[in-house]
Amino acid sequence: MNNLAASRPNHNIPELGILTRVMDLSSFDMIYIYHHLSKGVTLDLTRDSAHYYKSAVQVSFKGFKLGYLPEKVSAIVSARMDKGLELIARIKSIEKLKYLPLKSLDIELLF
């Protein structure tokens, strides 16, 4: 019998992806920059040790704070960030009412 060894070529393809929503949009800087946000735009993620849960991950765009990842998603993301693993955050979808700031912001996290 032939030995079939399946190997995954390394083409910098992310191993894992998570689709999640940014929390607390109306509490921070989103109202100043929402018109610059669109599908596919890359966002910045940073740890925020001053938040009420210790693994909090802040979502921002060009230095403007948009909100936080949900607590359970933050636990996964922060553990990977602490290991120094690469992470990409991009806008997946935006829900907006005419002439008003964003109602919701869904992002895709690629590891």
N, C-alpha and C. Protein backbone atom coordinates (compact mmCIF):
# COMPACT_ATOMS: atom_id res chain seq x y z
N MET A 1 0.84 -1.17 0.00
CA MET A 1 0.00 0.00 0.00
C MET A 1 0.89 1.23 0.00
N ASN A 2 0.46 2.24 -0.74
CA ASN A 2 1.23 3.48 -0.82
C ASN A 2 1.06 4.31 0.45
N ASN A 3 2.12 4.96 0.83
CA ASN A 3 2.07 5.84 1.99
C ASN A 3 1.71 7.23 1.49
N LEU A 4 0.53 7.68 1.79
CA LEU A 4 0.07 9.00 1.35
C LEU A 4 0.32 10.01 2.46
N ALA A 5 1.26 10.84 2.26
CA ALA A 5 1.57 11.88 3.25
C ALA A 5 1.08 13.21 2.71
N ALA A 6 0.13 13.76 3.38
CA ALA A 6 -0.40 15.06 2.96
C ALA A 6 0.36 16.15 3.68
N SER A 7 0.90 17.04 2.92
CA SER A 7 1.60 18.17 3.53
C SER A 7 0.98 19.45 3.01
N ARG A 8 0.88 20.40 3.87
CA ARG A 8 0.29 21.69 3.52
C ARG A 8 1.41 22.63 3.12
N PRO A 9 1.42 23.07 1.85
CA PRO A 9 2.47 24.00 1.45
C PRO A 9 2.33 25.32 2.20
N ASN A 10 3.46 25.93 2.50
CA ASN A 10 3.45 27.19 3.23
C ASN A 10 3.40 28.35 2.23
N HIS A 11 2.21 28.89 2.02
CA HIS A 11 2.01 30.03 1.14
C HIS A 11 1.53 31.24 1.93
N ASN A 12 1.93 31.30 3.20
CA ASN A 12 1.49 32.37 4.10
C ASN A 12 -0.02 32.44 4.18
N ILE A 13 -0.66 31.30 4.14
CA ILE A 13 -2.11 31.22 4.29
C ILE A 13 -2.42 31.14 5.78
N PRO A 14 -3.32 32.01 6.26
CA PRO A 14 -3.66 31.97 7.68
C PRO A 14 -4.24 30.61 8.09
N GLU A 15 -3.94 30.18 9.29
CA GLU A 15 -4.42 28.90 9.80
C GLU A 15 -5.84 28.99 10.33
N LEU A 16 -6.21 30.11 10.89
CA LEU A 16 -7.46 30.22 11.60
C LEU A 16 -8.07 31.59 11.36
N GLY A 17 -9.37 31.65 11.25
CA GLY A 17 -10.04 32.93 11.10
C GLY A 17 -11.23 33.01 12.03
N ILE A 18 -11.51 34.19 12.53
CA ILE A 18 -12.65 34.43 13.41
C ILE A 18 -13.39 35.64 12.88
N LEU A 19 -14.70 35.55 12.81
CA LEU A 19 -15.54 36.69 12.46
C LEU A 19 -16.21 37.16 13.74
N THR A 20 -16.03 38.43 14.07
CA THR A 20 -16.58 38.95 15.32
C THR A 20 -16.99 40.41 15.14
N ARG A 21 -17.63 40.95 16.14
CA ARG A 21 -18.13 42.31 16.12
C ARG A 21 -17.32 43.17 17.08
N VAL A 22 -17.11 44.43 16.73
CA VAL A 22 -16.43 45.37 17.63
C VAL A 22 -17.48 45.89 18.61
N MET A 23 -17.15 45.82 19.90
CA MET A 23 -18.06 46.23 20.96
C MET A 23 -17.82 47.70 21.35
N ASP A 24 -18.85 48.35 21.87
CA ASP A 24 -18.77 49.71 22.42
C ASP A 24 -18.42 50.77 21.38
N LEU A 25 -18.92 50.62 20.15
CA LEU A 25 -18.59 51.57 19.08
C LEU A 25 -18.93 53.01 19.42
N SER A 26 -20.04 53.23 20.07
CA SER A 26 -20.48 54.61 20.33
C SER A 26 -19.75 55.28 21.49
N SER A 27 -18.90 54.54 22.18
CA SER A 27 -18.24 55.08 23.37
C SER A 27 -16.91 55.78 23.11
N PHE A 28 -16.36 55.64 21.90
CA PHE A 28 -15.00 56.13 21.67
C PHE A 28 -14.93 57.05 20.44
N ASP A 29 -13.91 56.89 19.61
CA ASP A 29 -13.61 57.82 18.52
C ASP A 29 -14.28 57.51 17.18
N MET A 30 -15.12 56.51 17.11
CA MET A 30 -15.71 56.08 15.86
C MET A 30 -16.43 57.22 15.15
N ILE A 31 -17.09 58.10 15.88
CA ILE A 31 -17.86 59.17 15.24
C ILE A 31 -16.99 60.14 14.44
N TYR A 32 -15.69 60.17 14.73
CA TYR A 32 -14.80 61.08 14.03
C TYR A 32 -14.25 60.50 12.73
N ILE A 33 -14.24 59.18 12.62
CA ILE A 33 -13.56 58.57 11.46
C ILE A 33 -14.39 57.54 10.72
N TYR A 34 -15.65 57.35 11.07
CA TYR A 34 -16.43 56.27 10.46
C TYR A 34 -16.51 56.39 8.95
N HIS A 35 -16.45 57.60 8.40
CA HIS A 35 -16.53 57.79 6.96
C HIS A 35 -15.27 57.31 6.23
N HIS A 36 -14.19 57.00 6.97
CA HIS A 36 -12.96 56.46 6.37
C HIS A 36 -12.94 54.93 6.39
N LEU A 37 -13.92 54.32 7.03
CA LEU A 37 -13.94 52.87 7.18
C LEU A 37 -14.75 52.24 6.06
N SER A 38 -14.22 51.15 5.49
CA SER A 38 -14.93 50.41 4.46
C SER A 38 -14.49 48.95 4.49
N LYS A 39 -15.21 48.10 3.81
CA LYS A 39 -14.90 46.68 3.78
C LYS A 39 -13.47 46.45 3.28
N GLY A 40 -12.73 45.61 4.01
CA GLY A 40 -11.37 45.27 3.63
C GLY A 40 -10.29 46.12 4.28
N VAL A 41 -10.66 47.23 4.93
CA VAL A 41 -9.68 48.10 5.59
C VAL A 41 -9.06 47.35 6.78
N THR A 42 -7.74 47.45 6.90
CA THR A 42 -7.02 46.81 7.99
C THR A 42 -7.09 47.66 9.25
N LEU A 43 -7.34 47.01 10.38
CA LEU A 43 -7.44 47.68 11.68
C LEU A 43 -6.29 47.24 12.57
N ASP A 44 -6.01 48.02 13.60
CA ASP A 44 -4.95 47.71 14.56
C ASP A 44 -5.55 47.12 15.82
N LEU A 45 -4.87 46.14 16.38
CA LEU A 45 -5.28 45.51 17.63
C LEU A 45 -4.17 45.67 18.65
N THR A 46 -4.52 46.10 19.86
CA THR A 46 -3.54 46.24 20.94
C THR A 46 -4.14 45.76 22.24
N ARG A 47 -3.30 45.30 23.12
CA ARG A 47 -3.75 44.89 24.46
C ARG A 47 -4.06 46.12 25.29
N ASP A 48 -5.08 46.06 26.14
CA ASP A 48 -5.44 47.16 27.02
C ASP A 48 -5.56 46.62 28.44
N SER A 49 -4.48 46.69 29.19
CA SER A 49 -4.45 46.14 30.54
C SER A 49 -5.28 46.97 31.53
N ALA A 50 -5.68 48.18 31.15
CA ALA A 50 -6.47 49.02 32.04
C ALA A 50 -7.97 48.71 31.95
N HIS A 51 -8.37 47.86 31.04
CA HIS A 51 -9.78 47.51 30.87
C HIS A 51 -10.22 46.59 32.00
N TYR A 52 -11.55 46.47 32.20
CA TYR A 52 -12.04 45.70 33.34
C TYR A 52 -11.81 44.19 33.20
N TYR A 53 -11.58 43.67 32.01
CA TYR A 53 -11.14 42.27 31.91
C TYR A 53 -9.71 42.24 31.39
N LYS A 54 -8.90 41.41 32.01
CA LYS A 54 -7.44 41.48 31.82
C LYS A 54 -6.95 41.14 30.42
N SER A 55 -7.73 40.40 29.65
CA SER A 55 -7.27 40.03 28.30
C SER A 55 -7.85 40.95 27.22
N ALA A 56 -8.31 42.13 27.59
CA ALA A 56 -8.97 43.04 26.65
C ALA A 56 -8.07 43.41 25.48
N VAL A 57 -8.69 43.40 24.27
CA VAL A 57 -7.98 43.79 23.06
C VAL A 57 -8.74 44.95 22.43
N GLN A 58 -8.04 46.06 22.29
CA GLN A 58 -8.61 47.29 21.73
C GLN A 58 -8.49 47.26 20.21
N VAL A 59 -9.54 47.73 19.54
CA VAL A 59 -9.55 47.84 18.08
C VAL A 59 -9.44 49.32 17.73
N SER A 60 -8.50 49.67 16.84
CA SER A 60 -8.33 51.07 16.45
C SER A 60 -8.02 51.18 14.96
N PHE A 61 -8.15 52.41 14.46
CA PHE A 61 -7.85 52.71 13.06
C PHE A 61 -7.07 54.01 13.03
N LYS A 62 -5.81 53.93 12.59
CA LYS A 62 -4.93 55.10 12.49
C LYS A 62 -4.89 55.90 13.80
N GLY A 63 -4.82 55.20 14.91
CA GLY A 63 -4.71 55.85 16.21
C GLY A 63 -6.03 56.22 16.86
N PHE A 64 -7.15 56.04 16.17
CA PHE A 64 -8.47 56.34 16.72
C PHE A 64 -9.08 55.06 17.29
N LYS A 65 -9.46 55.11 18.55
CA LYS A 65 -10.02 53.95 19.23
C LYS A 65 -11.46 53.73 18.79
N LEU A 66 -11.74 52.52 18.28
CA LEU A 66 -13.09 52.18 17.83
C LEU A 66 -13.88 51.43 18.89
N GLY A 67 -13.23 50.56 19.62
CA GLY A 67 -13.91 49.76 20.63
C GLY A 67 -13.04 48.58 21.03
N TYR A 68 -13.69 47.49 21.47
CA TYR A 68 -12.99 46.31 21.96
C TYR A 68 -13.56 45.06 21.31
N LEU A 69 -12.73 44.01 21.29
CA LEU A 69 -13.22 42.70 20.90
C LEU A 69 -14.04 42.15 22.06
N PRO A 70 -15.02 41.29 21.78
CA PRO A 70 -15.77 40.65 22.88
C PRO A 70 -14.82 39.87 23.79
N GLU A 71 -15.21 39.71 25.04
CA GLU A 71 -14.32 39.13 26.04
C GLU A 71 -13.79 37.75 25.66
N LYS A 72 -14.63 36.86 25.17
CA LYS A 72 -14.18 35.51 24.84
C LYS A 72 -13.24 35.51 23.63
N VAL A 73 -13.50 36.36 22.67
CA VAL A 73 -12.61 36.48 21.52
C VAL A 73 -11.29 37.10 21.95
N SER A 74 -11.35 38.09 22.84
CA SER A 74 -10.14 38.72 23.35
C SER A 74 -9.23 37.73 24.04
N ALA A 75 -9.80 36.77 24.75
CA ALA A 75 -8.99 35.77 25.44
C ALA A 75 -8.18 34.96 24.43
N ILE A 76 -8.79 34.58 23.32
CA ILE A 76 -8.10 33.82 22.27
C ILE A 76 -7.04 34.68 21.60
N VAL A 77 -7.43 35.89 21.22
CA VAL A 77 -6.53 36.79 20.49
C VAL A 77 -5.35 37.21 21.36
N SER A 78 -5.61 37.58 22.61
CA SER A 78 -4.52 38.04 23.48
C SER A 78 -3.51 36.93 23.76
N ALA A 79 -3.97 35.69 23.87
CA ALA A 79 -3.05 34.58 24.08
C ALA A 79 -2.12 34.43 22.88
N ARG A 80 -2.64 34.59 21.69
CA ARG A 80 -1.81 34.50 20.49
C ARG A 80 -0.89 35.72 20.37
N MET A 81 -1.38 36.89 20.73
CA MET A 81 -0.55 38.09 20.70
C MET A 81 0.62 37.96 21.68
N ASP A 82 0.35 37.40 22.85
CA ASP A 82 1.40 37.22 23.86
C ASP A 82 2.50 36.28 23.38
N LYS A 83 2.16 35.36 22.49
CA LYS A 83 3.14 34.43 21.93
C LYS A 83 3.89 35.05 20.75
N GLY A 84 3.51 36.26 20.37
CA GLY A 84 4.18 36.93 19.26
C GLY A 84 3.73 36.47 17.89
N LEU A 85 2.57 35.81 17.82
CA LEU A 85 2.07 35.32 16.54
C LEU A 85 1.42 36.44 15.75
N GLU A 86 1.56 36.37 14.43
CA GLU A 86 1.02 37.41 13.55
C GLU A 86 -0.50 37.34 13.50
N LEU A 87 -1.11 38.49 13.42
CA LEU A 87 -2.57 38.61 13.41
C LEU A 87 -2.97 39.74 12.48
N ILE A 88 -3.97 39.48 11.65
CA ILE A 88 -4.49 40.50 10.74
C ILE A 88 -5.95 40.73 11.08
N ALA A 89 -6.35 41.99 11.19
CA ALA A 89 -7.75 42.34 11.45
C ALA A 89 -8.24 43.22 10.30
N ARG A 90 -9.31 42.78 9.64
CA ARG A 90 -9.88 43.54 8.53
C ARG A 90 -11.37 43.68 8.70
N ILE A 91 -11.90 44.78 8.19
CA ILE A 91 -13.34 44.99 8.24
C ILE A 91 -14.02 44.04 7.28
N LYS A 92 -14.99 43.29 7.79
CA LYS A 92 -15.75 42.34 6.98
C LYS A 92 -17.06 42.97 6.51
N SER A 93 -17.75 43.67 7.40
CA SER A 93 -18.99 44.34 7.01
C SER A 93 -19.30 45.49 7.96
N ILE A 94 -20.03 46.45 7.43
CA ILE A 94 -20.42 47.65 8.19
C ILE A 94 -21.93 47.82 8.06
N GLU A 95 -22.59 48.06 9.17
CA GLU A 95 -24.02 48.37 9.14
C GLU A 95 -24.18 49.83 9.52
N LYS A 96 -24.78 50.58 8.65
CA LYS A 96 -24.88 52.03 8.84
C LYS A 96 -26.25 52.50 8.38
N LEU A 97 -26.83 53.38 9.13
CA LEU A 97 -28.07 54.03 8.73
C LEU A 97 -27.71 55.35 8.04
N LYS A 98 -28.49 55.74 7.08
CA LYS A 98 -28.20 56.94 6.28
C LYS A 98 -27.94 58.15 7.18
N TYR A 99 -26.83 58.84 6.91
CA TYR A 99 -26.43 60.07 7.59
C TYR A 99 -26.12 59.89 9.08
N LEU A 100 -25.97 58.68 9.55
CA LEU A 100 -25.66 58.43 10.96
C LEU A 100 -24.36 57.62 11.06
N PRO A 101 -23.68 57.70 12.20
CA PRO A 101 -22.49 56.87 12.41
C PRO A 101 -22.83 55.39 12.34
N LEU A 102 -21.84 54.56 12.44
CA LEU A 102 -22.01 53.12 12.30
C LEU A 102 -22.91 52.52 13.37
N LYS A 103 -23.74 51.58 12.93
CA LYS A 103 -24.58 50.83 13.86
C LYS A 103 -23.83 49.60 14.36
N SER A 104 -23.09 48.94 13.44
CA SER A 104 -22.26 47.80 13.83
C SER A 104 -21.07 47.67 12.89
N LEU A 105 -20.03 47.04 13.39
CA LEU A 105 -18.80 46.84 12.64
C LEU A 105 -18.32 45.41 12.88
N ASP A 106 -18.40 44.58 11.83
CA ASP A 106 -17.94 43.20 11.91
C ASP A 106 -16.54 43.12 11.33
N ILE A 107 -15.66 42.42 12.04
CA ILE A 107 -14.29 42.30 11.55
C ILE A 107 -13.90 40.83 11.44
N GLU A 108 -12.93 40.59 10.59
CA GLU A 108 -12.39 39.26 10.36
C GLU A 108 -10.98 39.25 10.94
N LEU A 109 -10.73 38.29 11.80
CA LEU A 109 -9.40 38.13 12.40
C LEU A 109 -8.75 36.91 11.78
N LEU A 110 -7.58 37.10 11.19
CA LEU A 110 -6.86 36.03 10.54
C LEU A 110 -5.55 35.77 11.26
N PHE A 111 -5.33 34.52 11.66
CA PHE A 111 -4.12 34.15 12.37
C PHE A 111 -3.16 33.46 11.43
